[in-house]
Structures are given as C-alpha cells and as structure tokens.
C-alpha cells in the first residue's frame, strides 16, 4: 500500500490528527506522527499509508501545502528502495 511522508508538522500533531486530515483524500490504512520519546511531542514529520495509489494522488492534490494545526504541511512520496525500508540513509565518506 502506498505511503506518504508528511513534513513540517506542528509539535502538537497526533497520529489521529494525521489520519483525520488525510481521510478527506481517501481511505487511510495507517497514520503515524513520529514523536520524541522524552516529551511525547511530534518531531515534525510522520507517515500516512493510503489504501490505493489513487488516494495518494488525491492527497497530493488536496493536502500538499495545506494547513494542519497551524502549520503548512508538505508531502513527499515515500520511495521504495532496494532494501525496502523507506528513505535512504546518507552515506558518510
């Protein structure tokens, strides 16, 4: 199922907020606002898994640069990589 990386989230955003916001675009399978383990506040990014690729396209059209909890969010598709684990880590040389 297609995933979307969501950036520029306010520290007050919860996974439920993300799910509710993205439900306008289609069926949300899962939503995660990544939180700091010490404070419990959102670290500024998260992920949303949509039921269908068409829902992701609608989300980009409707929600990219939309406002959530007072901040303008940005969306990026989460690329599939060789190792199958989301975004690549930078290499240090």
PDB file of N, CA and C in Angstrom:
ATOM      1  N   UNK A   1       0.838  -1.178   0.000  1.00  0.00           N
ATOM      2  CA  UNK A   1       0.000   0.000   0.000  1.00  0.00           C
ATOM      3  C   UNK A   1       0.881   1.238   0.000  1.00  0.00           C
ATOM      4  N   UNK A   2       0.484   2.246  -0.744  1.00  0.00           N
ATOM      5  CA  UNK A   2       1.322   3.430  -0.882  1.00  0.00           C
ATOM      6  C   UNK A   2       1.387   4.274   0.390  1.00  0.00           C
ATOM      7  N   UNK A   3       2.601   4.752   0.667  1.00  0.00           N
ATOM      8  CA  UNK A   3       2.834   5.594   1.839  1.00  0.00           C
ATOM      9  C   UNK A   3       3.231   6.988   1.397  1.00  0.00           C
ATOM     10  N   UNK A   4       2.942   7.941   2.275  1.00  0.00           N
ATOM     11  CA  UNK A   4       3.291   9.336   2.035  1.00  0.00           C
ATOM     12  C   UNK A   4       4.077   9.836   3.240  1.00  0.00           C
ATOM     13  N   UNK A   5       5.193  10.496   2.987  1.00  0.00           N
ATOM     14  CA  UNK A   5       5.949  11.183   4.036  1.00  0.00           C
ATOM     15  C   UNK A   5       5.326  12.557   4.204  1.00  0.00           C
ATOM     16  N   UNK A   6       5.055  12.954   5.447  1.00  0.00           N
ATOM     17  CA  UNK A   6       4.455  14.256   5.733  1.00  0.00           C
ATOM     18  C   UNK A   6       5.445  15.043   6.582  1.00  0.00           C
ATOM     19  N   UNK A   7       5.842  16.208   6.086  1.00  0.00           N
ATOM     20  CA  UNK A   7       6.809  17.034   6.800  1.00  0.00           C
ATOM     21  C   UNK A   7       6.217  18.342   7.272  1.00  0.00           C
ATOM     22  N   UNK A   8       6.990  19.037   8.086  1.00  0.00           N
ATOM     23  CA  UNK A   8       6.640  20.343   8.653  1.00  0.00           C
ATOM     24  C   UNK A   8       5.403  20.265   9.540  1.00  0.00           C
ATOM     25  N   UNK A   9       5.313  19.200  10.329  1.00  0.00           N
ATOM     26  CA  UNK A   9       4.188  19.057  11.246  1.00  0.00           C
ATOM     27  C   UNK A   9       4.430  19.854  12.524  1.00  0.00           C
ATOM     28  N   UNK A  10       3.375  20.430  13.058  1.00  0.00           N
ATOM     29  CA  UNK A  10       3.445  21.135  14.337  1.00  0.00           C
ATOM     30  C   UNK A  10       3.709  20.115  15.447  1.00  0.00           C
ATOM     31  N   UNK A  11       4.330  20.552  16.517  1.00  0.00           N
ATOM     32  CA  UNK A  11       4.643  19.643  17.619  1.00  0.00           C
ATOM     33  C   UNK A  11       3.385  19.095  18.286  1.00  0.00           C
ATOM     34  N   UNK A  12       2.256  19.740  18.079  1.00  0.00           N
ATOM     35  CA  UNK A  12       1.002  19.300  18.689  1.00  0.00           C
ATOM     36  C   UNK A  12       0.259  18.234  17.887  1.00  0.00           C
ATOM     37  N   UNK A  13       0.722  17.927  16.672  1.00  0.00           N
ATOM     38  CA  UNK A  13       0.030  16.972  15.805  1.00  0.00           C
ATOM     39  C   UNK A  13       0.141  15.561  16.373  1.00  0.00           C
ATOM     40  N   UNK A  14      -0.974  14.838  16.321  1.00  0.00           N
ATOM     41  CA  UNK A  14      -1.009  13.436  16.744  1.00  0.00           C
ATOM     42  C   UNK A  14      -1.266  12.552  15.528  1.00  0.00           C
ATOM     43  N   UNK A  15      -1.087  11.268  15.711  1.00  0.00           N
ATOM     44  CA  UNK A  15      -1.385  10.323  14.637  1.00  0.00           C
ATOM     45  C   UNK A  15      -2.859  10.412  14.252  1.00  0.00           C
ATOM     46  N   UNK A  16      -3.723  10.634  15.218  1.00  0.00           N
ATOM     47  CA  UNK A  16      -5.163  10.779  14.948  1.00  0.00           C
ATOM     48  C   UNK A  16      -5.415  12.016  14.091  1.00  0.00           C
ATOM     49  N   UNK A  17      -4.722  13.121  14.380  1.00  0.00           N
ATOM     50  CA  UNK A  17      -4.860  14.337  13.564  1.00  0.00           C
ATOM     51  C   UNK A  17      -4.502  14.051  12.107  1.00  0.00           C
ATOM     52  N   UNK A  18      -3.385  13.332  11.914  1.00  0.00           N
ATOM     53  CA  UNK A  18      -2.957  12.980  10.553  1.00  0.00           C
ATOM     54  C   UNK A  18      -4.004  12.131   9.855  1.00  0.00           C
ATOM     55  N   UNK A  19      -4.491  11.122  10.544  1.00  0.00           N
ATOM     56  CA  UNK A  19      -5.489  10.232   9.966  1.00  0.00           C
ATOM     57  C   UNK A  19      -6.747  11.004   9.576  1.00  0.00           C
ATOM     58  N   UNK A  20      -7.222  11.857  10.457  1.00  0.00           N
ATOM     59  CA  UNK A  20      -8.423  12.651  10.172  1.00  0.00           C
ATOM     60  C   UNK A  20      -8.200  13.596   9.001  1.00  0.00           C
ATOM     61  N   UNK A  21      -7.034  14.226   8.942  1.00  0.00           N
ATOM     62  CA  UNK A  21      -6.725  15.180   7.875  1.00  0.00           C
ATOM     63  C   UNK A  21      -6.683  14.473   6.516  1.00  0.00           C
ATOM     64  N   UNK A  22      -6.050  13.308   6.477  1.00  0.00           N
ATOM     65  CA  UNK A  22      -5.899  12.574   5.215  1.00  0.00           C
ATOM     66  C   UNK A  22      -7.160  11.830   4.800  1.00  0.00           C
ATOM     67  N   UNK A  23      -8.076  11.617   5.707  1.00  0.00           N
ATOM     68  CA  UNK A  23      -9.330  10.927   5.375  1.00  0.00           C
ATOM     69  C   UNK A  23     -10.127  11.705   4.328  1.00  0.00           C
ATOM     70  N   UNK A  24      -9.878  12.995   4.205  1.00  0.00           N
ATOM     71  CA  UNK A  24     -10.543  13.794   3.164  1.00  0.00           C
ATOM     72  C   UNK A  24     -10.121  13.357   1.765  1.00  0.00           C
ATOM     73  N   UNK A  25      -8.957  12.714   1.668  1.00  0.00           N
ATOM     74  CA  UNK A  25      -8.416  12.324   0.367  1.00  0.00           C
ATOM     75  C   UNK A  25      -8.741  10.884  -0.006  1.00  0.00           C
ATOM     76  N   UNK A  26      -9.141  10.079   0.949  1.00  0.00           N
ATOM     77  CA  UNK A  26      -9.419   8.675   0.665  1.00  0.00           C
ATOM     78  C   UNK A  26      -9.267   7.840   1.909  1.00  0.00           C
ATOM     79  N   UNK A  27      -9.211   6.540   1.714  1.00  0.00           N
ATOM     80  CA  UNK A  27      -9.139   5.625   2.847  1.00  0.00           C
ATOM     81  C   UNK A  27      -7.726   5.562   3.424  1.00  0.00           C
ATOM     82  N   UNK A  28      -7.616   5.897   4.705  1.00  0.00           N
ATOM     83  CA  UNK A  28      -6.345   5.851   5.413  1.00  0.00           C
ATOM     84  C   UNK A  28      -6.224   4.483   6.079  1.00  0.00           C
ATOM     85  N   UNK A  29      -5.145   3.784   5.789  1.00  0.00           N
ATOM     86  CA  UNK A  29      -4.890   2.479   6.394  1.00  0.00           C
ATOM     87  C   UNK A  29      -4.183   2.665   7.730  1.00  0.00           C
ATOM     88  N   UNK A  30      -3.206   3.579   7.765  1.00  0.00           N
ATOM     89  CA  UNK A  30      -2.451   3.843   8.990  1.00  0.00           C
ATOM     90  C   UNK A  30      -1.857   5.245   8.918  1.00  0.00           C
ATOM     91  N   UNK A  31      -1.694   5.863  10.076  1.00  0.00           N
ATOM     92  CA  UNK A  31      -1.058   7.179  10.157  1.00  0.00           C
ATOM     93  C   UNK A  31      -0.169   7.199  11.392  1.00  0.00           C
ATOM     94  N   UNK A  32       1.007   7.798  11.250  1.00  0.00           N
ATOM     95  CA  UNK A  32       1.940   7.873  12.364  1.00  0.00           C
ATOM     96  C   UNK A  32       2.593   9.249  12.396  1.00  0.00           C
ATOM     97  N   UNK A  33       2.366   9.981  13.467  1.00  0.00           N
ATOM     98  CA  UNK A  33       3.107  11.206  13.727  1.00  0.00           C
ATOM     99  C   UNK A  33       4.272  10.779  14.616  1.00  0.00           C
ATOM    100  N   UNK A  34       5.487  10.909  14.126  1.00  0.00           N
ATOM    101  CA  UNK A  34       6.663  10.457  14.868  1.00  0.00           C
ATOM    102  C   UNK A  34       6.877  11.393  16.050  1.00  0.00           C
ATOM    103  N   UNK A  35       6.989  10.788  17.239  1.00  0.00           N
ATOM    104  CA  UNK A  35       7.096  11.590  18.459  1.00  0.00           C
ATOM    105  C   UNK A  35       8.442  11.408  19.143  1.00  0.00           C
ATOM    106  N   UNK A  36       8.804  12.411  19.911  1.00  0.00           N
ATOM    107  CA  UNK A  36      10.007  12.370  20.735  1.00  0.00           C
ATOM    108  C   UNK A  36       9.706  11.498  21.953  1.00  0.00           C
ATOM    109  N   UNK A  37      10.572  10.582  22.264  1.00  0.00           N
ATOM    110  CA  UNK A  37      10.261   9.674  23.374  1.00  0.00           C
ATOM    111  C   UNK A  37      10.326  10.344  24.736  1.00  0.00           C
ATOM    112  N   UNK A  38      11.031  11.454  24.861  1.00  0.00           N
ATOM    113  CA  UNK A  38      11.095  12.154  26.149  1.00  0.00           C
ATOM    114  C   UNK A  38       9.908  13.081  26.381  1.00  0.00           C
ATOM    115  N   UNK A  39       9.537  13.830  25.348  1.00  0.00           N
ATOM    116  CA  UNK A  39       8.474  14.822  25.517  1.00  0.00           C
ATOM    117  C   UNK A  39       7.108  14.325  25.067  1.00  0.00           C
ATOM    118  N   UNK A  40       7.086  13.341  24.173  1.00  0.00           N
ATOM    119  CA  UNK A  40       5.827  12.858  23.623  1.00  0.00           C
ATOM    120  C   UNK A  40       5.271  13.743  22.521  1.00  0.00           C
ATOM    121  N   UNK A  41       5.996  14.814  22.175  1.00  0.00           N
ATOM    122  CA  UNK A  41       5.542  15.738  21.135  1.00  0.00           C
ATOM    123  C   UNK A  41       6.015  15.273  19.762  1.00  0.00           C
ATOM    124  N   UNK A  42       5.263  15.666  18.748  1.00  0.00           N
ATOM    125  CA  UNK A  42       5.615  15.328  17.374  1.00  0.00           C
ATOM    126  C   UNK A  42       6.972  15.928  17.022  1.00  0.00           C
ATOM    127  N   UNK A  43       7.802  15.154  16.335  1.00  0.00           N
ATOM    128  CA  UNK A  43       9.138  15.604  15.930  1.00  0.00           C
ATOM    129  C   UNK A  43       9.134  16.376  14.620  1.00  0.00           C
ATOM    130  N   UNK A  44       7.946  16.634  14.050  1.00  0.00           N
ATOM    131  CA  UNK A  44       7.878  17.444  12.841  1.00  0.00           C
ATOM    132  C   UNK A  44       7.643  16.677  11.564  1.00  0.00           C
ATOM    133  N   UNK A  45       7.517  15.355  11.667  1.00  0.00           N
ATOM    134  CA  UNK A  45       7.247  14.566  10.469  1.00  0.00           C
ATOM    135  C   UNK A  45       6.446  13.333  10.832  1.00  0.00           C
ATOM    136  N   UNK A  46       5.907  12.709   9.787  1.00  0.00           N
ATOM    137  CA  UNK A  46       5.129  11.494  10.004  1.00  0.00           C
ATOM    138  C   UNK A  46       4.907  10.775   8.684  1.00  0.00           C
ATOM    139  N   UNK A  47       4.107   9.721   8.741  1.00  0.00           N
ATOM    140  CA  UNK A  47       3.832   8.896   7.575  1.00  0.00           C
ATOM    141  C   UNK A  47       2.358   8.541   7.551  1.00  0.00           C
ATOM    142  N   UNK A  48       1.796   8.502   6.351  1.00  0.00           N
ATOM    143  CA  UNK A  48       0.413   8.085   6.179  1.00  0.00           C
ATOM    144  C   UNK A  48       0.377   7.017   5.096  1.00  0.00           C
ATOM    145  N   UNK A  49      -0.288   5.923   5.387  1.00  0.00           N
ATOM    146  CA  UNK A  49      -0.451   4.839   4.424  1.00  0.00           C
ATOM    147  C   UNK A  49      -1.891   4.877   3.920  1.00  0.00           C
ATOM    148  N   UNK A  50      -2.024   5.012   2.619  1.00  0.00           N
ATOM    149  CA  UNK A  50      -3.334   5.093   1.987  1.00  0.00           C
ATOM    150  C   UNK A  50      -3.691   3.730   1.383  1.00  0.00           C
ATOM    151  N   UNK A  51      -4.988   3.495   1.176  1.00  0.00           N
ATOM    152  CA  UNK A  51      -5.459   2.211   0.668  1.00  0.00           C
ATOM    153  C   UNK A  51      -5.120   1.986  -0.798  1.00  0.00           C
ATOM    154  N   UNK A  52      -5.076   3.054  -1.588  1.00  0.00           N
ATOM    155  CA  UNK A  52      -4.869   2.904  -3.026  1.00  0.00           C
ATOM    156  C   UNK A  52      -3.988   4.020  -3.570  1.00  0.00           C
ATOM    157  N   UNK A  53      -3.250   3.756  -4.642  1.00  0.00           N
ATOM    158  CA  UNK A  53      -2.438   4.804  -5.263  1.00  0.00           C
ATOM    159  C   UNK A  53      -3.269   6.021  -5.678  1.00  0.00           C
ATOM    160  N   UNK A  54      -4.501   5.803  -6.079  1.00  0.00           N
ATOM    161  CA  UNK A  54      -5.360   6.928  -6.464  1.00  0.00           C
ATOM    162  C   UNK A  54      -5.622   7.848  -5.270  1.00  0.00           C
ATOM    163  N   UNK A  55      -5.729   7.265  -4.074  1.00  0.00           N
ATOM    164  CA  UNK A  55      -5.925   8.076  -2.864  1.00  0.00           C
ATOM    165  C   UNK A  55      -4.709   8.959  -2.588  1.00  0.00           C
ATOM    166  N   UNK A  56      -3.527   8.432  -2.903  1.00  0.00           N
ATOM    167  CA  UNK A  56      -2.301   9.219  -2.720  1.00  0.00           C
ATOM    168  C   UNK A  56      -2.302  10.419  -3.666  1.00  0.00           C
ATOM    169  N   UNK A  57      -2.717  10.206  -4.895  1.00  0.00           N
ATOM    170  CA  UNK A  57      -2.769  11.306  -5.871  1.00  0.00           C
ATOM    171  C   UNK A  57      -3.751  12.379  -5.406  1.00  0.00           C
ATOM    172  N   UNK A  58      -4.894  11.954  -4.885  1.00  0.00           N
ATOM    173  CA  UNK A  58      -5.877  12.911  -4.364  1.00  0.00           C
ATOM    174  C   UNK A  58      -5.285  13.658  -3.171  1.00  0.00           C
ATOM    175  N   UNK A  59      -4.569  12.950  -2.307  1.00  0.00           N
ATOM    176  CA  UNK A  59      -3.947  13.584  -1.143  1.00  0.00           C
ATOM    177  C   UNK A  59      -2.960  14.661  -1.576  1.00  0.00           C
ATOM    178  N   UNK A  60      -2.139  14.366  -2.585  1.00  0.00           N
ATOM    179  CA  UNK A  60      -1.191  15.375  -3.067  1.00  0.00           C
ATOM    180  C   UNK A  60      -1.924  16.593  -3.607  1.00  0.00           C
ATOM    181  N   UNK A  61      -2.996  16.369  -4.333  1.00  0.00           N
ATOM    182  CA  UNK A  61      -3.754  17.475  -4.908  1.00  0.00           C
ATOM    183  C   UNK A  61      -4.435  18.314  -3.834  1.00  0.00           C
ATOM    184  N   UNK A  62      -5.065  17.655  -2.867  1.00  0.00           N
ATOM    185  CA  UNK A  62      -5.841  18.363  -1.848  1.00  0.00           C
ATOM    186  C   UNK A  62      -5.016  18.859  -0.662  1.00  0.00           C
ATOM    187  N   UNK A  63      -4.012  18.081  -0.258  1.00  0.00           N
ATOM    188  CA  UNK A  63      -3.400  18.315   1.046  1.00  0.00           C
ATOM    189  C   UNK A  63      -1.968  18.836   1.039  1.00  0.00           C
ATOM    190  N   UNK A  64      -1.244  18.715  -0.088  1.00  0.00           N
ATOM    191  CA  UNK A  64       0.115  19.245  -0.108  1.00  0.00           C
ATOM    192  C   UNK A  64       0.049  20.759   0.090  1.00  0.00           C
ATOM    193  N   UNK A  65       0.771  21.253   1.053  1.00  0.00           N
ATOM    194  CA  UNK A  65       0.803  22.668   1.439  1.00  0.00           C
ATOM    195  C   UNK A  65      -0.490  23.118   2.111  1.00  0.00           C
ATOM    196  N   UNK A  66      -1.268  22.167   2.623  1.00  0.00           N
ATOM    197  CA  UNK A  66      -2.465  22.534   3.383  1.00  0.00           C
ATOM    198  C   UNK A  66      -2.054  22.806   4.832  1.00  0.00           C
ATOM    199  N   UNK A  67      -2.967  23.366   5.598  1.00  0.00           N
ATOM    200  CA  UNK A  67      -2.665  23.705   6.985  1.00  0.00           C
ATOM    201  C   UNK A  67      -3.195  22.634   7.924  1.00  0.00           C
ATOM    202  N   UNK A  68      -2.344  22.233   8.863  1.00  0.00           N
ATOM    203  CA  UNK A  68      -2.721  21.276   9.901  1.00  0.00           C
ATOM    204  C   UNK A  68      -2.163  21.785  11.215  1.00  0.00           C
ATOM    205  N   UNK A  69      -3.028  22.045  12.156  1.00  0.00           N
ATOM    206  CA  UNK A  69      -2.648  22.582  13.473  1.00  0.00           C
ATOM    207  C   UNK A  69      -1.764  23.829  13.368  1.00  0.00           C
ATOM    208  N   UNK A  70      -2.124  24.702  12.420  1.00  0.00           N
ATOM    209  CA  UNK A  70      -1.449  25.994  12.313  1.00  0.00           C
ATOM    210  C   UNK A  70      -0.188  26.026  11.479  1.00  0.00           C
ATOM    211  N   UNK A  71       0.202  24.907  10.879  1.00  0.00           N
ATOM    212  CA  UNK A  71       1.399  24.887  10.037  1.00  0.00           C
ATOM    213  C   UNK A  71       1.077  24.302   8.675  1.00  0.00           C
ATOM    214  N   UNK A  72       1.786  24.800   7.668  1.00  0.00           N
ATOM    215  CA  UNK A  72       1.608  24.322   6.304  1.00  0.00           C
ATOM    216  C   UNK A  72       2.444  23.055   6.126  1.00  0.00           C
ATOM    217  N   UNK A  73       1.770  21.933   5.867  1.00  0.00           N
ATOM    218  CA  UNK A  73       2.470  20.657   5.747  1.00  0.00           C
ATOM    219  C   UNK A  73       2.963  20.445   4.319  1.00  0.00           C
ATOM    220  N   UNK A  74       3.963  19.584   4.180  1.00  0.00           N
ATOM    221  CA  UNK A  74       4.481  19.219   2.869  1.00  0.00           C
ATOM    222  C   UNK A  74       4.431  17.704   2.732  1.00  0.00           C
ATOM    223  N   UNK A  75       4.132  17.239   1.539  1.00  0.00           N
ATOM    224  CA  UNK A  75       4.031  15.803   1.280  1.00  0.00           C
ATOM    225  C   UNK A  75       5.097  15.372   0.290  1.00  0.00           C
ATOM    226  N   UNK A  76       5.611  14.175   0.494  1.00  0.00           N
ATOM    227  CA  UNK A  76       6.549  13.542  -0.427  1.00  0.00           C
ATOM    228  C   UNK A  76       6.178  12.073  -0.504  1.00  0.00           C
ATOM    229  N   UNK A  77       6.257  11.494  -1.703  1.00  0.00           N
ATOM    230  CA  UNK A  77       6.027  10.047  -1.759  1.00  0.00           C
ATOM    231  C   UNK A  77       7.180   9.361  -1.053  1.00  0.00           C
ATOM    232  N   UNK A  78       6.886   8.289  -0.365  1.00  0.00           N
ATOM    233  CA  UNK A  78       7.953   7.536   0.281  1.00  0.00           C
ATOM    234  C   UNK A  78       8.488   6.548  -0.737  1.00  0.00           C
ATOM    235  N   UNK A  79       9.716   6.754  -1.228  1.00  0.00           N
ATOM    236  CA  UNK A  79      10.235   5.883  -2.277  1.00  0.00           C
ATOM    237  C   UNK A  79      10.534   4.485  -1.759  1.00  0.00           C
ATOM    238  N   UNK A  80      10.331   3.522  -2.615  1.00  0.00           N
ATOM    239  CA  UNK A  80      10.718   2.145  -2.293  1.00  0.00           C
ATOM    240  C   UNK A  80      12.177   1.988  -2.709  1.00  0.00           C
ATOM    241  N   UNK A  81      12.969   1.413  -1.851  1.00  0.00           N
ATOM    242  CA  UNK A  81      14.398   1.241  -2.128  1.00  0.00           C
ATOM    243  C   UNK A  81      14.741  -0.236  -2.171  1.00  0.00           C
ATOM    244  N   UNK A  82      15.949  -0.481  -2.584  1.00  0.00           N
ATOM    245  CA  UNK A  82      16.416  -1.857  -2.710  1.00  0.00           C
ATOM    246  C   UNK A  82      16.179  -2.658  -1.433  1.00  0.00           C
ATOM    247  N   UNK A  83      16.459  -2.027  -0.291  1.00  0.00           N
ATOM    248  CA  UNK A  83      16.310  -2.752   0.966  1.00  0.00           C
ATOM    249  C   UNK A  83      14.872  -2.737   1.469  1.00  0.00           C
ATOM    250  N   UNK A  84      13.984  -1.993   0.776  1.00  0.00           N
ATOM    251  CA  UNK A  84      12.577  -1.976   1.127  1.00  0.00           C
ATOM    252  C   UNK A  84      12.258  -1.229   2.400  1.00  0.00           C
ATOM    253  N   UNK A  85      13.163  -0.365   2.851  1.00  0.00           N
ATOM    254  CA  UNK A  85      12.967   0.312   4.128  1.00  0.00           C
ATOM    255  C   UNK A  85      12.929   1.825   3.985  1.00  0.00           C
ATOM    256  N   UNK A  86      11.989   2.345   3.220  1.00  0.00           N
ATOM    257  CA  UNK A  86      11.769   3.786   3.169  1.00  0.00           C
ATOM    258  C   UNK A  86      12.912   4.581   2.583  1.00  0.00           C
ATOM    259  N   UNK A  87      13.142   5.758   3.127  1.00  0.00           N
ATOM    260  CA  UNK A  87      14.138   6.693   2.621  1.00  0.00           C
ATOM    261  C   UNK A  87      15.556   6.180   2.849  1.00  0.00           C
ATOM    262  N   UNK A  88      16.446   6.467   1.890  1.00  0.00           N
ATOM    263  CA  UNK A  88      17.824   6.010   2.075  1.00  0.00           C
ATOM    264  C   UNK A  88      18.552   6.843   3.130  1.00  0.00           C
ATOM    265  N   UNK A  89      19.454   6.214   3.815  1.00  0.00           N
ATOM    266  CA  UNK A  89      20.284   6.956   4.769  1.00  0.00           C
ATOM    267  C   UNK A  89      21.474   7.526   4.009  1.00  0.00           C
ATOM    268  N   UNK A  90      21.891   8.727   4.382  1.00  0.00           N
ATOM    269  CA  UNK A  90      23.050   9.299   3.699  1.00  0.00           C
ATOM    270  C   UNK A  90      24.293   8.482   3.995  1.00  0.00           C
ATOM    271  N   UNK A  91      25.161   8.381   3.020  1.00  0.00           N
ATOM    272  CA  UNK A  91      26.402   7.672   3.231  1.00  0.00           C
ATOM    273  C   UNK A  91      27.470   8.651   3.672  1.00  0.00           C
ATOM    274  N   UNK A  92      28.294   8.224   4.569  1.00  0.00           N
ATOM    275  CA  UNK A  92      29.385   9.069   5.065  1.00  0.00           C
ATOM    276  C   UNK A  92      30.667   8.576   4.422  1.00  0.00           C
ATOM    277  N   UNK A  93      31.364   9.512   3.748  1.00  0.00           N
ATOM    278  CA  UNK A  93      32.604   9.097   3.102  1.00  0.00           C
ATOM    279  C   UNK A  93      33.771   9.883   3.600  1.00  0.00           C
TER     280      UNK A  93
END
